[in-house]
């Protein structure tokens, strides 16, 4: 079975605030949207922001966004310099940087930030072959 991830969906409480964060601050292009769902193009995948109620009805799951989700999403870039440049830009936008870039135990270079509802993102330079799409 081929295993590419084509889409990631995040249940969100405030769709307008989350749209603003991803589109206006991170400058990610919107693929499609309606009042309850925003689809964002991410190179070879789609990030979908889904209103909490719609997510719950659609999946039957009841996520608790206040307890931490136990996962993070990673954006791999081509160099440690690009990681630093990304965090410099995020800091000028008052983004919640949860961990500044650092040299990782596995030989990479990463930092973490969170969106307005606490979804955690990593920007990483991963030198391990095959980790970039």
Protein backbone atom coordinates (compact mmCIF):
# COMPACT_ATOMS: atom_id res chain seq x y z
CA UNK A 1 0.00 0.00 0.00
CA UNK A 2 1.30 3.46 -0.89
CA UNK A 3 1.28 5.70 2.20
CA UNK A 4 1.36 9.38 1.25
CA UNK A 5 -0.50 11.77 3.52
CA UNK A 6 -2.74 13.84 1.27
CA UNK A 7 -4.63 15.80 3.91
CA UNK A 8 -4.58 16.70 7.58
CA UNK A 9 -7.73 17.99 9.27
CA UNK A 10 -7.71 20.00 12.48
CA UNK A 11 -10.87 20.56 14.53
CA UNK A 12 -11.03 24.26 15.42
CA UNK A 13 -13.22 26.34 17.70
CA UNK A 14 -12.75 29.73 15.99
CA UNK A 15 -12.62 29.22 12.23
CA UNK A 16 -12.16 32.96 11.50
CA UNK A 17 -9.17 33.33 13.83
CA UNK A 18 -7.59 30.16 12.52
CA UNK A 19 -8.12 31.23 8.89
CA UNK A 20 -6.48 34.55 9.67
CA UNK A 21 -3.51 32.82 11.31
CA UNK A 22 -2.82 30.37 8.49
CA UNK A 23 -3.64 32.67 5.58
CA UNK A 24 -2.69 36.16 6.79
CA UNK A 25 0.22 35.40 9.11
CA UNK A 26 1.73 32.22 7.64
CA UNK A 27 0.68 33.32 4.12
CA UNK A 28 -0.54 29.88 3.08
CA UNK A 29 -2.87 29.88 0.05
CA UNK A 30 -6.52 29.00 0.49
CA UNK A 31 -7.69 26.28 -1.86
CA UNK A 32 -11.39 26.42 -0.95
CA UNK A 33 -13.53 27.60 1.94
CA UNK A 34 -17.00 28.01 3.36
CA UNK A 35 -18.09 29.35 6.77
CA UNK A 36 -17.26 26.04 8.51
CA UNK A 37 -14.30 24.64 6.56
CA UNK A 38 -11.10 26.20 5.17
CA UNK A 39 -8.87 24.11 2.91
CA UNK A 40 -5.27 25.28 2.57
CA UNK A 41 -2.84 24.11 -0.12
CA UNK A 42 0.42 22.76 1.30
CA UNK A 43 2.49 21.63 -1.70
CA UNK A 44 1.55 17.93 -1.92
CA UNK A 45 -1.13 17.93 0.77
CA UNK A 46 -4.12 19.87 2.03
CA UNK A 47 -4.54 21.25 5.55
CA UNK A 48 -8.22 21.46 6.42
CA UNK A 49 -9.47 23.64 9.26
CA UNK A 50 -12.85 22.27 10.26
CA UNK A 51 -15.28 23.87 12.68
CA UNK A 52 -15.37 21.83 15.89
CA UNK A 53 -19.07 20.98 15.52
CA UNK A 54 -18.71 19.83 11.91
CA UNK A 55 -15.60 17.78 12.80
CA UNK A 56 -17.47 16.08 15.65
CA UNK A 57 -20.55 15.33 13.54
CA UNK A 58 -18.49 14.07 10.59
CA UNK A 59 -16.05 11.86 12.51
CA UNK A 60 -18.02 10.93 15.61
CA UNK A 61 -14.98 12.05 17.63
CA UNK A 62 -15.09 14.58 20.44
CA UNK A 63 -11.64 16.19 20.56
CA UNK A 64 -10.76 18.31 23.56
CA UNK A 65 -8.63 21.17 22.25
CA UNK A 66 -7.74 22.33 25.77
CA UNK A 67 -5.89 19.18 26.78
CA UNK A 68 -3.19 19.09 24.12
CA UNK A 69 -3.43 16.82 21.15
CA UNK A 70 -0.37 14.65 21.71
CA UNK A 71 0.97 15.25 18.22
CA UNK A 72 2.64 17.88 16.08
CA UNK A 73 2.89 18.61 12.38
CA UNK A 74 6.26 19.11 10.69
CA UNK A 75 7.42 21.32 7.86
CA UNK A 76 10.84 20.20 6.61
CA UNK A 77 13.02 22.90 5.08
CA UNK A 78 16.35 22.68 3.26
CA UNK A 79 18.71 24.18 5.86
CA UNK A 80 19.10 25.30 9.47
CA UNK A 81 19.30 28.86 8.10
CA UNK A 82 15.76 28.49 6.68
CA UNK A 83 14.56 27.29 10.10
CA UNK A 84 16.03 30.43 11.71
CA UNK A 85 14.61 32.71 9.00
CA UNK A 86 11.16 31.17 9.48
CA UNK A 87 11.23 31.72 13.24
CA UNK A 88 12.50 35.26 12.84
CA UNK A 89 9.49 36.02 10.63
CA UNK A 90 7.08 34.24 12.99
CA UNK A 91 8.39 36.25 15.95
CA UNK A 92 7.66 39.52 14.13
CA UNK A 93 4.04 38.33 13.74
CA UNK A 94 3.64 37.62 17.48
CA UNK A 95 3.18 33.90 16.84
CA UNK A 96 3.33 31.70 19.94
CA UNK A 97 6.80 30.17 19.64
CA UNK A 98 6.81 27.26 22.05
CA UNK A 99 10.46 26.28 21.55
CA UNK A 100 13.09 28.26 19.70
CA UNK A 101 15.19 26.40 17.11
CA UNK A 102 17.78 24.05 18.58
CA UNK A 103 20.14 21.28 17.49
CA UNK A 104 18.23 18.03 17.97
CA UNK A 105 19.47 14.81 19.53
CA UNK A 106 19.03 13.06 16.15
CA UNK A 107 21.21 15.48 14.17
CA UNK A 108 18.60 17.88 12.84
CA UNK A 109 17.68 21.45 13.68
CA UNK A 110 14.12 22.27 14.77
CA UNK A 111 11.85 24.74 16.51
CA UNK A 112 8.17 24.69 17.46
CA UNK A 113 5.25 27.11 17.33
CA UNK A 114 1.53 26.88 18.01
CA UNK A 115 -1.48 28.23 16.21
CA UNK A 116 -4.13 30.19 18.16
CA UNK A 117 -5.82 26.98 19.34
CA UNK A 118 -2.66 25.21 20.46
CA UNK A 119 -1.99 22.95 17.46
CA UNK A 120 1.76 22.48 17.45
CA UNK A 121 3.94 22.85 14.37
CA UNK A 122 7.62 22.04 13.95
CA UNK A 123 9.86 23.71 11.39
CA UNK A 124 12.80 21.40 10.90
CA UNK A 125 15.91 20.81 8.87
CA UNK A 126 16.13 17.05 8.73
CA UNK A 127 19.40 15.82 7.21
CA UNK A 128 18.18 12.21 7.01
CA UNK A 129 17.79 11.20 3.34
CA UNK A 130 14.23 10.60 2.19
CA UNK A 131 12.53 12.86 4.72
CA UNK A 132 11.68 15.62 2.25
CA UNK A 133 8.92 15.27 -0.32
